[in-house]
Amino acid sequence: MKYLIIGSKGQLGKCFEENMEENNLNFLGVGIEEMDITDKVAISEVFEKVRPNIVINCSAYNLVDQAEETPEMAYRVNKEGVRNIAEECKKHNCFLVHYGTNYIFDGTKNSPYTESDKPNPINKYGESKLAGERIIQERLNEGSYLIFRLSWLYGKGHQNFIYKFLQRVKNGDVLMGTEDEIATPTSTETVVEVTMRALREDLPGDIYHLTNTGQTSRWGWAKKILETINDSTELQKVSVEKFNLPAKRPKNAVLDNSKISKDLDIHITSWDKEVEKFIKEEL
């Protein structure tokens, strides 16, 4: 079995590489320097050379506010790039694992979103990610892919909420957290562990919501970070509107992870325990 990890320089891709190294699996990780997914020729050359059995796509354009201002960039990666990957997977008979986002929902539901809920993105990033999902469903045969929708992902690296918030603490900034954005902080370690288990157990190709368990606001997440590092600095509750961001955020972006939990017969760790473990082990 040979794995190809696309987007291996990001926090999720790095976590996959660590896991596969620890388990002595046969894999190759490629970043944009080795394979730009918007370049059909480059993708074709890598697939011909590597001949993977399983492709794990961790690549994405995830700059939510920039996507609002330059949507063509988001669509180029999240739609057309995904199309290129899907077509190569079909050509080479590879199984594809792809990661979606909770931002495909509009946030108006009063309970967690399930896989059967109808997507209705309210920003360009969410639109582009949904377009990528639909291309996979159109281009690949049923049972030849898994799409995992994620929420508030964090791991080793600087492009996540935990690192950025801790930098503000270190700099002595005024600390604020939004109370009207609700979702589930989810660790890359959880995503990798569940994904690898799904592959080992030949989980039928489908769409799943893959997050840690429970829900919180950005304020609640920040509060947990402060508690874990024993910092008593005041943390202000604010509305997301205070930041006047270009892209709208869904107010409720909580994903229900009960389907994946049931199908794999697992209990996924709560978000607060996972955040505490991550901070104590990695920071």
C-alpha atoms as a PDB file:
ATOM      1  CA  MET A   1       0.000   0.000   0.000  1.00  0.00           C
ATOM      2  CA  LYS A   2       1.450   3.366  -1.015  1.00  0.00           C
ATOM      3  CA  TYR A   3       0.131   6.717   0.185  1.00  0.00           C
ATOM      4  CA  LEU A   4       0.480  10.109  -1.474  1.00  0.00           C
ATOM      5  CA  ILE A   5       0.007  13.044   0.912  1.00  0.00           C
ATOM      6  CA  ILE A   6      -0.820  16.238  -0.975  1.00  0.00           C
ATOM      7  CA  GLY A   7      -0.199  19.429   0.991  1.00  0.00           C
ATOM      8  CA  SER A   8       2.401  17.829   3.231  1.00  0.00           C
ATOM      9  CA  LYS A   9       3.874  21.168   4.387  1.00  0.00           C
ATOM     10  CA  GLY A  10       0.678  22.215   6.199  1.00  0.00           C
ATOM     11  CA  GLN A  11      -0.212  21.301   9.772  1.00  0.00           C
ATOM     12  CA  LEU A  12      -2.492  18.390   8.760  1.00  0.00           C
ATOM     13  CA  GLY A  13      -0.076  17.049   6.154  1.00  0.00           C
ATOM     14  CA  LYS A  14       2.817  17.145   8.632  1.00  0.00           C
ATOM     15  CA  CYS A  15       0.738  15.246  11.157  1.00  0.00           C
ATOM     16  CA  PHE A  16       0.034  12.541   8.564  1.00  0.00           C
ATOM     17  CA  GLU A  17       3.733  12.278   7.760  1.00  0.00           C
ATOM     18  CA  GLU A  18       4.605  11.834  11.439  1.00  0.00           C
ATOM     19  CA  ASN A  19       1.962   9.155  11.852  1.00  0.00           C
ATOM     20  CA  MET A  20       3.087   7.231   8.784  1.00  0.00           C
ATOM     21  CA  GLU A  21       6.746   7.432   9.753  1.00  0.00           C
ATOM     22  CA  GLU A  22       5.929   6.065  13.210  1.00  0.00           C
ATOM     23  CA  ASN A  23       3.985   3.188  11.650  1.00  0.00           C
ATOM     24  CA  ASN A  24       6.571   2.449   8.925  1.00  0.00           C
ATOM     25  CA  LEU A  25       4.108   3.036   6.109  1.00  0.00           C
ATOM     26  CA  ASN A  26       5.104   3.589   2.496  1.00  0.00           C
ATOM     27  CA  PHE A  27       4.294   7.199   1.643  1.00  0.00           C
ATOM     28  CA  LEU A  28       5.396  10.294  -0.209  1.00  0.00           C
ATOM     29  CA  GLY A  29       4.484  13.809   0.892  1.00  0.00           C
ATOM     30  CA  VAL A  30       4.393  16.640  -1.640  1.00  0.00           C
ATOM     31  CA  GLY A  31       3.982  20.370  -1.132  1.00  0.00           C
ATOM     32  CA  ILE A  32       3.255  23.044  -3.706  1.00  0.00           C
ATOM     33  CA  GLU A  33       6.946  23.140  -4.679  1.00  0.00           C
ATOM     34  CA  GLU A  34       6.861  19.480  -5.727  1.00  0.00           C
ATOM     35  CA  MET A  35       3.315  19.458  -7.099  1.00  0.00           C
ATOM     36  CA  ASP A  36       1.070  22.450  -7.706  1.00  0.00           C
ATOM     37  CA  ILE A  37      -2.444  20.977  -7.820  1.00  0.00           C
ATOM     38  CA  THR A  38      -3.561  23.676 -10.256  1.00  0.00           C
ATOM     39  CA  ASP A  39      -0.975  22.383 -12.761  1.00  0.00           C
ATOM     40  CA  LYS A  40      -2.380  19.345 -14.595  1.00  0.00           C
ATOM     41  CA  VAL A  41       0.982  18.368 -16.059  1.00  0.00           C
ATOM     42  CA  ALA A  42       2.744  18.480 -12.684  1.00  0.00           C
ATOM     43  CA  ILE A  43       0.026  16.353 -11.068  1.00  0.00           C
ATOM     44  CA  SER A  44       0.102  13.809 -13.883  1.00  0.00           C
ATOM     45  CA  GLU A  45       3.888  13.453 -13.623  1.00  0.00           C
ATOM     46  CA  VAL A  46       3.756  12.821  -9.864  1.00  0.00           C
ATOM     47  CA  PHE A  47       0.962  10.254 -10.141  1.00  0.00           C
ATOM     48  CA  GLU A  48       2.790   8.432 -12.962  1.00  0.00           C
ATOM     49  CA  LYS A  49       5.962   8.307 -10.890  1.00  0.00           C
ATOM     50  CA  VAL A  50       4.478   7.446  -7.488  1.00  0.00           C
ATOM     51  CA  ARG A  51       1.565   5.193  -8.515  1.00  0.00           C
ATOM     52  CA  PRO A  52      -0.234   5.618  -5.176  1.00  0.00           C
ATOM     53  CA  ASN A  53      -3.023   3.401  -3.894  1.00  0.00           C
ATOM     54  CA  ILE A  54      -4.424   5.999  -1.509  1.00  0.00           C
ATOM     55  CA  VAL A  55      -4.273   9.776  -1.988  1.00  0.00           C
ATOM     56  CA  ILE A  56      -4.772  12.037   1.031  1.00  0.00           C
ATOM     57  CA  ASN A  57      -5.502  15.604  -0.021  1.00  0.00           C
ATOM     58  CA  CYS A  58      -4.569  18.042   2.759  1.00  0.00           C
ATOM     59  CA  SER A  59      -4.121  20.963   0.359  1.00  0.00           C
ATOM     60  CA  ALA A  60      -6.553  23.876   0.325  1.00  0.00           C
ATOM     61  CA  TYR A  61      -6.854  27.613  -0.043  1.00  0.00           C
ATOM     62  CA  ASN A  62      -8.154  28.481   3.431  1.00  0.00           C
ATOM     63  CA  LEU A  63      -7.608  32.227   3.721  1.00  0.00           C
ATOM     64  CA  VAL A  64     -11.249  32.996   4.421  1.00  0.00           C
ATOM     65  CA  ASP A  65     -11.143  36.795   4.217  1.00  0.00           C
ATOM     66  CA  GLN A  66      -8.751  36.921   1.262  1.00  0.00           C
ATOM     67  CA  ALA A  67     -11.069  34.524  -0.580  1.00  0.00           C
ATOM     68  CA  GLU A  68     -13.816  37.130  -0.294  1.00  0.00           C
ATOM     69  CA  GLU A  69     -11.632  39.700  -2.034  1.00  0.00           C
ATOM     70  CA  THR A  70      -9.995  37.384  -4.586  1.00  0.00           C
ATOM     71  CA  PRO A  71     -12.416  34.447  -5.000  1.00  0.00           C
ATOM     72  CA  GLU A  72     -10.712  33.299  -8.184  1.00  0.00           C
ATOM     73  CA  MET A  73      -7.729  32.132  -6.099  1.00  0.00           C
ATOM     74  CA  ALA A  74      -9.952  30.094  -3.781  1.00  0.00           C
ATOM     75  CA  TYR A  75     -11.792  28.496  -6.710  1.00  0.00           C
ATOM     76  CA  ARG A  76      -8.569  27.785  -8.542  1.00  0.00           C
ATOM     77  CA  VAL A  77      -7.305  25.626  -5.667  1.00  0.00           C
ATOM     78  CA  ASN A  78     -10.455  24.379  -3.935  1.00  0.00           C
ATOM     79  CA  LYS A  79     -12.415  23.582  -7.081  1.00  0.00           C
ATOM     80  CA  GLU A  80     -10.140  23.271 -10.122  1.00  0.00           C
ATOM     81  CA  GLY A  81      -7.221  21.835  -8.146  1.00  0.00           C
ATOM     82  CA  VAL A  82      -9.529  19.242  -6.606  1.00  0.00           C
ATOM     83  CA  ARG A  83     -10.864  18.439 -10.087  1.00  0.00           C
ATOM     84  CA  ASN A  84      -7.309  17.726 -11.248  1.00  0.00           C
ATOM     85  CA  ILE A  85      -6.677  15.428  -8.272  1.00  0.00           C
ATOM     86  CA  ALA A  86      -9.973  13.593  -8.743  1.00  0.00           C
ATOM     87  CA  GLU A  87      -9.282  12.995 -12.428  1.00  0.00           C
ATOM     88  CA  GLU A  88      -5.837  11.541 -11.696  1.00  0.00           C
ATOM     89  CA  CYS A  89      -7.313   9.335  -8.971  1.00  0.00           C
ATOM     90  CA  LYS A  90      -9.870   8.025 -11.438  1.00  0.00           C
ATOM     91  CA  LYS A  91      -7.224   7.446 -14.089  1.00  0.00           C
ATOM     92  CA  HIS A  92      -4.956   5.535 -11.702  1.00  0.00           C
ATOM     93  CA  ASN A  93      -7.735   3.835  -9.712  1.00  0.00           C
ATOM     94  CA  CYS A  94      -6.671   5.494  -6.431  1.00  0.00           C
ATOM     95  CA  PHE A  95      -8.805   5.904  -3.325  1.00  0.00           C
ATOM     96  CA  LEU A  96      -9.126   9.594  -2.420  1.00  0.00           C
ATOM     97  CA  VAL A  97      -9.400  11.116   1.053  1.00  0.00           C
ATOM     98  CA  HIS A  98     -10.387  14.772   0.947  1.00  0.00           C
ATOM     99  CA  TYR A  99     -11.075  17.367   3.657  1.00  0.00           C
ATOM    100  CA  GLY A 100     -13.994  19.772   3.596  1.00  0.00           C
ATOM    101  CA  THR A 101     -15.141  22.463   5.993  1.00  0.00           C
ATOM    102  CA  ASN A 102     -18.000  23.412   8.313  1.00  0.00           C
ATOM    103  CA  TYR A 103     -18.143  26.733   6.452  1.00  0.00           C
ATOM    104  CA  ILE A 104     -20.337  25.154   3.780  1.00  0.00           C
ATOM    105  CA  PHE A 105     -23.287  25.770   6.145  1.00  0.00           C
ATOM    106  CA  ASP A 106     -24.996  29.102   6.778  1.00  0.00           C
ATOM    107  CA  GLY A 107     -25.038  28.826  10.575  1.00  0.00           C
ATOM    108  CA  THR A 108     -28.782  29.379  11.055  1.00  0.00           C
ATOM    109  CA  LYS A 109     -29.563  25.922  12.451  1.00  0.00           C
ATOM    110  CA  ASN A 110     -30.143  25.681  16.216  1.00  0.00           C
ATOM    111  CA  SER A 111     -28.408  22.315  16.584  1.00  0.00           C
ATOM    112  CA  PRO A 112     -25.269  20.648  15.180  1.00  0.00           C
ATOM    113  CA  TYR A 113     -25.209  20.046  11.432  1.00  0.00           C
ATOM    114  CA  THR A 114     -25.452  16.461  10.201  1.00  0.00           C
ATOM    115  CA  GLU A 115     -24.269  15.062   6.899  1.00  0.00           C
ATOM    116  CA  SER A 116     -27.840  15.119   5.577  1.00  0.00           C
ATOM    117  CA  ASP A 117     -28.274  18.878   6.132  1.00  0.00           C
ATOM    118  CA  LYS A 118     -28.327  20.973   2.972  1.00  0.00           C
ATOM    119  CA  PRO A 119     -25.218  23.147   2.506  1.00  0.00           C
ATOM    120  CA  ASN A 120     -25.704  26.876   2.037  1.00  0.00           C
ATOM    121  CA  PRO A 121     -22.347  28.700   2.295  1.00  0.00           C
ATOM    122  CA  ILE A 122     -22.360  32.410   3.099  1.00  0.00           C
ATOM    123  CA  ASN A 123     -18.804  33.218   2.007  1.00  0.00           C
ATOM    124  CA  LYS A 124     -16.612  32.565  -1.044  1.00  0.00           C
ATOM    125  CA  TYR A 125     -14.320  30.188   0.832  1.00  0.00           C
ATOM    126  CA  GLY A 126     -17.272  27.985   1.770  1.00  0.00           C
ATOM    127  CA  GLU A 127     -18.607  28.152  -1.782  1.00  0.00           C
ATOM    128  CA  SER A 128     -15.266  27.071  -3.238  1.00  0.00           C
ATOM    129  CA  LYS A 129     -14.899  24.180  -0.791  1.00  0.00           C
ATOM    130  CA  LEU A 130     -18.421  22.956  -1.521  1.00  0.00           C
ATOM    131  CA  ALA A 131     -17.641  23.093  -5.244  1.00  0.00           C
ATOM    132  CA  GLY A 132     -14.653  20.816  -4.604  1.00  0.00           C
ATOM    133  CA  GLU A 133     -16.799  18.311  -2.706  1.00  0.00           C
ATOM    134  CA  ARG A 134     -19.312  18.165  -5.539  1.00  0.00           C
ATOM    135  CA  ILE A 135     -16.642  17.622  -8.177  1.00  0.00           C
ATOM    136  CA  ILE A 136     -15.343  14.594  -6.250  1.00  0.00           C
ATOM    137  CA  GLN A 137     -18.859  13.174  -6.046  1.00  0.00           C
ATOM    138  CA  GLU A 138     -19.377  13.779  -9.768  1.00  0.00           C
ATOM    139  CA  ARG A 139     -16.032  12.497 -11.030  1.00  0.00           C
ATOM    140  CA  LEU A 140     -15.361   9.505  -8.773  1.00  0.00           C
ATOM    141  CA  ASN A 141     -17.342   6.332  -8.380  1.00  0.00           C
ATOM    142  CA  GLU A 142     -19.257   5.817  -5.165  1.00  0.00           C
ATOM    143  CA  GLY A 143     -17.057   4.001  -2.668  1.00  0.00           C
ATOM    144  CA  SER A 144     -13.798   5.354  -4.086  1.00  0.00           C
ATOM    145  CA  TYR A 145     -13.495   8.404  -1.854  1.00  0.00           C
ATOM    146  CA  LEU A 146     -14.007   9.720   1.670  1.00  0.00           C
ATOM    147  CA  ILE A 147     -14.800  13.356   2.349  1.00  0.00           C
ATOM    148  CA  PHE A 148     -14.260  14.491   5.932  1.00  0.00           C
ATOM    149  CA  ARG A 149     -15.618  17.900   6.907  1.00  0.00           C
ATOM    150  CA  LEU A 150     -13.510  19.568   9.596  1.00  0.00           C
ATOM    151  CA  SER A 151     -13.985  22.405  12.070  1.00  0.00           C
ATOM    152  CA  TRP A 152     -11.521  24.912  13.590  1.00  0.00           C
ATOM    153  CA  LEU A 153      -8.471  22.774  12.844  1.00  0.00           C
ATOM    154  CA  TYR A 154      -5.257  23.204  14.829  1.00  0.00           C
ATOM    155  CA  GLY A 155      -1.951  21.363  15.116  1.00  0.00           C
ATOM    156  CA  LYS A 156       1.774  21.986  15.088  1.00  0.00           C
ATOM    157  CA  GLY A 157       2.419  25.199  13.188  1.00  0.00           C
ATOM    158  CA  HIS A 158       1.594  28.892  13.198  1.00  0.00           C
ATOM    159  CA  GLN A 159      -1.583  29.038  11.107  1.00  0.00           C
ATOM    160  CA  ASN A 160      -4.086  28.227  13.803  1.00  0.00           C
ATOM    161  CA  PHE A 161      -6.059  29.924  16.566  1.00  0.00           C
ATOM    162  CA  ILE A 162      -4.076  28.494  19.497  1.00  0.00           C
ATOM    163  CA  TYR A 163      -0.714  29.746  18.250  1.00  0.00           C
ATOM    164  CA  LYS A 164      -2.047  33.170  17.276  1.00  0.00           C
ATOM    165  CA  PHE A 165      -3.867  33.604  20.598  1.00  0.00           C
ATOM    166  CA  LEU A 166      -0.777  32.619  22.596  1.00  0.00           C
ATOM    167  CA  GLN A 167       1.228  35.179  20.638  1.00  0.00           C
ATOM    168  CA  ARG A 168      -1.245  37.856  21.733  1.00  0.00           C
ATOM    169  CA  VAL A 169      -0.894  36.696  25.333  1.00  0.00           C
ATOM    170  CA  LYS A 170       2.896  36.842  25.043  1.00  0.00           C
ATOM    171  CA  ASN A 171       2.765  40.339  23.539  1.00  0.00           C
ATOM    172  CA  GLY A 172       0.542  41.615  26.326  1.00  0.00           C
ATOM    173  CA  ASP A 173      -2.284  42.509  23.932  1.00  0.00           C
ATOM    174  CA  VAL A 174      -5.861  43.117  25.046  1.00  0.00           C
ATOM    175  CA  LEU A 175      -7.454  39.681  24.845  1.00  0.00           C
ATOM    176  CA  MET A 176     -10.832  39.224  23.187  1.00  0.00           C
ATOM    177  CA  GLY A 177     -12.901  36.261  22.055  1.00  0.00           C
ATOM    178  CA  THR A 178     -16.097  36.187  20.059  1.00  0.00           C
ATOM    179  CA  GLU A 179     -19.103  34.717  21.835  1.00  0.00           C
ATOM    180  CA  ASP A 180     -21.358  34.467  18.777  1.00  0.00           C
ATOM    181  CA  GLU A 181     -19.283  32.014  16.715  1.00  0.00           C
ATOM    182  CA  ILE A 182     -19.883  28.418  17.805  1.00  0.00           C
ATOM    183  CA  ALA A 183     -18.047  25.357  16.498  1.00  0.00           C
ATOM    184  CA  THR A 184     -15.644  22.635  17.658  1.00  0.00           C
ATOM    185  CA  PRO A 185     -11.861  23.031  17.927  1.00  0.00           C
ATOM    186  CA  THR A 186     -10.417  19.913  16.283  1.00  0.00           C
ATOM    187  CA  SER A 187      -6.844  18.650  16.485  1.00  0.00           C
ATOM    188  CA  THR A 188      -4.883  17.342  13.519  1.00  0.00           C
ATOM    189  CA  GLU A 189      -3.987  14.332  15.661  1.00  0.00           C
ATOM    190  CA  THR A 190      -7.671  13.420  16.022  1.00  0.00           C
ATOM    191  CA  VAL A 191      -8.221  13.847  12.274  1.00  0.00           C
ATOM    192  CA  VAL A 192      -5.230  11.661  11.385  1.00  0.00           C
ATOM    193  CA  GLU A 193      -6.078   8.922  13.886  1.00  0.00           C
ATOM    194  CA  VAL A 194      -9.704   8.686  12.752  1.00  0.00           C
ATOM    195  CA  THR A 195      -8.759   8.851   9.058  1.00  0.00           C
ATOM    196  CA  MET A 196      -6.207   6.059   9.363  1.00  0.00           C
ATOM    197  CA  ARG A 197      -8.665   3.904  11.287  1.00  0.00           C
ATOM    198  CA  ALA A 198     -11.295   4.515   8.599  1.00  0.00           C
ATOM    199  CA  LEU A 199      -8.822   3.374   5.942  1.00  0.00           C
ATOM    200  CA  ARG A 200      -7.765   0.301   7.912  1.00  0.00           C
ATOM    201  CA  GLU A 201     -11.376  -0.740   8.382  1.00  0.00           C
ATOM    202  CA  ASP A 202     -12.351  -0.022   4.767  1.00  0.00           C
ATOM    203  CA  LEU A 203     -15.036   2.460   5.746  1.00  0.00           C
ATOM    204  CA  PRO A 204     -17.449   2.760   2.803  1.00  0.00           C
ATOM    205  CA  GLY A 205     -16.841   5.865   0.705  1.00  0.00           C
ATOM    206  CA  ASP A 206     -19.042   8.669   1.936  1.00  0.00           C
ATOM    207  CA  ILE A 207     -19.144  12.141   3.507  1.00  0.00           C
ATOM    208  CA  TYR A 208     -18.500  12.356   7.239  1.00  0.00           C
ATOM    209  CA  HIS A 209     -18.236  15.101   9.826  1.00  0.00           C
ATOM    210  CA  LEU A 210     -14.951  14.610  11.661  1.00  0.00           C
ATOM    211  CA  THR A 211     -14.417  16.817  14.697  1.00  0.00           C
ATOM    212  CA  ASN A 212     -13.607  16.481  18.340  1.00  0.00           C
ATOM    213  CA  THR A 213     -16.674  16.160  20.540  1.00  0.00           C
ATOM    214  CA  GLY A 214     -18.663  19.049  21.998  1.00  0.00           C
ATOM    215  CA  GLN A 215     -18.858  22.714  21.073  1.00  0.00           C
ATOM    216  CA  THR A 216     -17.722  26.139  22.228  1.00  0.00           C
ATOM    217  CA  SER A 217     -17.335  29.751  21.164  1.00  0.00           C
ATOM    218  CA  ARG A 218     -14.051  31.415  20.247  1.00  0.00           C
ATOM    219  CA  TRP A 219     -14.241  33.002  23.702  1.00  0.00           C
ATOM    220  CA  GLY A 220     -14.664  29.589  25.322  1.00  0.00           C
ATOM    221  CA  TRP A 221     -11.737  28.213  23.356  1.00  0.00           C
ATOM    222  CA  ALA A 222      -9.537  31.143  24.367  1.00  0.00           C
ATOM    223  CA  LYS A 223     -10.639  30.749  27.997  1.00  0.00           C
ATOM    224  CA  LYS A 224      -9.595  27.085  27.935  1.00  0.00           C
ATOM    225  CA  ILE A 225      -6.172  28.053  26.558  1.00  0.00           C
ATOM    226  CA  LEU A 226      -5.658  30.575  29.376  1.00  0.00           C
ATOM    227  CA  GLU A 227      -6.741  28.053  32.004  1.00  0.00           C
ATOM    228  CA  THR A 228      -4.353  25.439  30.626  1.00  0.00           C
ATOM    229  CA  ILE A 229      -1.352  27.782  30.824  1.00  0.00           C
ATOM    230  CA  ASN A 230      -2.504  29.133  34.230  1.00  0.00           C
ATOM    231  CA  ASP A 231      -2.896  32.688  32.983  1.00  0.00           C
ATOM    232  CA  SER A 232      -5.498  34.889  34.666  1.00  0.00           C
ATOM    233  CA  THR A 233      -5.432  37.745  32.137  1.00  0.00           C
ATOM    234  CA  GLU A 234      -8.871  39.244  31.511  1.00  0.00           C
ATOM    235  CA  LEU A 235     -10.590  37.895  28.413  1.00  0.00           C
ATOM    236  CA  GLN A 236     -13.274  40.106  26.910  1.00  0.00           C
ATOM    237  CA  LYS A 237     -16.402  38.719  25.238  1.00  0.00           C
ATOM    238  CA  VAL A 238     -17.132  40.454  21.948  1.00  0.00           C
ATOM    239  CA  SER A 239     -19.280  40.003  18.855  1.00  0.00           C
ATOM    240  CA  VAL A 240     -17.691  38.892  15.582  1.00  0.00           C
ATOM    241  CA  GLU A 241     -19.086  42.104  14.081  1.00  0.00           C
ATOM    242  CA  LYS A 242     -16.532  44.073  16.116  1.00  0.00           C
ATOM    243  CA  PHE A 243     -13.769  42.924  13.770  1.00  0.00           C
ATOM    244  CA  ASN A 244     -15.567  44.007  10.578  1.00  0.00           C
ATOM    245  CA  LEU A 245     -14.175  41.058   8.622  1.00  0.00           C
ATOM    246  CA  PRO A 246     -14.653  40.875   4.837  1.00  0.00           C
ATOM    247  CA  ALA A 247     -16.139  37.368   4.972  1.00  0.00           C
ATOM    248  CA  LYS A 248     -19.272  36.462   6.887  1.00  0.00           C
ATOM    249  CA  ARG A 249     -18.920  33.597   9.356  1.00  0.00           C
ATOM    250  CA  PRO A 250     -21.693  31.130  10.179  1.00  0.00           C
ATOM    251  CA  LYS A 251     -22.841  31.770  13.758  1.00  0.00           C
ATOM    252  CA  ASN A 252     -23.417  28.073  14.422  1.00  0.00           C
ATOM    253  CA  ALA A 253     -20.890  25.922  12.577  1.00  0.00           C
ATOM    254  CA  VAL A 254     -21.001  22.894  14.886  1.00  0.00           C
ATOM    255  CA  LEU A 255     -20.753  19.550  13.090  1.00  0.00           C
ATOM    256  CA  ASP A 256     -22.378  16.418  14.508  1.00  0.00           C
ATOM    257  CA  ASN A 257     -19.715  13.659  14.601  1.00  0.00           C
ATOM    258  CA  SER A 258     -22.059  10.843  15.644  1.00  0.00           C
ATOM    259  CA  LYS A 259     -22.127   9.181  12.200  1.00  0.00           C
ATOM    260  CA  ILE A 260     -18.373   8.577  12.023  1.00  0.00           C
ATOM    261  CA  SER A 261     -18.318   7.608  15.705  1.00  0.00           C
ATOM    262  CA  LYS A 262     -21.033   5.008  15.137  1.00  0.00           C
ATOM    263  CA  ASP A 263     -19.659   3.602  11.880  1.00  0.00           C
ATOM    264  CA  LEU A 264     -16.175   3.133  13.369  1.00  0.00           C
ATOM    265  CA  ASP A 265     -17.458   2.261  16.858  1.00  0.00           C
ATOM    266  CA  ILE A 266     -15.255   4.883  18.500  1.00  0.00           C
ATOM    267  CA  HIS A 267     -15.552   7.655  21.050  1.00  0.00           C
ATOM    268  CA  ILE A 268     -13.865  10.854  19.878  1.00  0.00           C
ATOM    269  CA  THR A 269     -12.204  12.917  22.616  1.00  0.00           C
ATOM    270  CA  SER A 270     -13.881  16.123  23.748  1.00  0.00           C
ATOM    271  CA  TRP A 271     -12.463  19.352  22.344  1.00  0.00           C
ATOM    272  CA  ASP A 272     -11.410  20.726  25.751  1.00  0.00           C
ATOM    273  CA  LYS A 273      -9.429  17.636  26.772  1.00  0.00           C
ATOM    274  CA  GLU A 274      -7.722  17.557  23.384  1.00  0.00           C
ATOM    275  CA  VAL A 275      -6.782  21.256  23.578  1.00  0.00           C
ATOM    276  CA  GLU A 276      -5.325  20.766  27.052  1.00  0.00           C
ATOM    277  CA  LYS A 277      -3.341  17.712  25.893  1.00  0.00           C
ATOM    278  CA  PHE A 278      -2.017  19.550  22.839  1.00  0.00           C
ATOM    279  CA  ILE A 279      -0.850  22.588  24.793  1.00  0.00           C
ATOM    280  CA  LYS A 280       0.859  20.524  27.492  1.00  0.00           C
ATOM    281  CA  GLU A 281       2.605  18.218  25.019  1.00  0.00           C
ATOM    282  CA  GLU A 282       3.478  20.564  22.166  1.00  0.00           C
ATOM    283  CA  LEU A 283       3.844  24.098  23.535  1.00  0.00           C
END
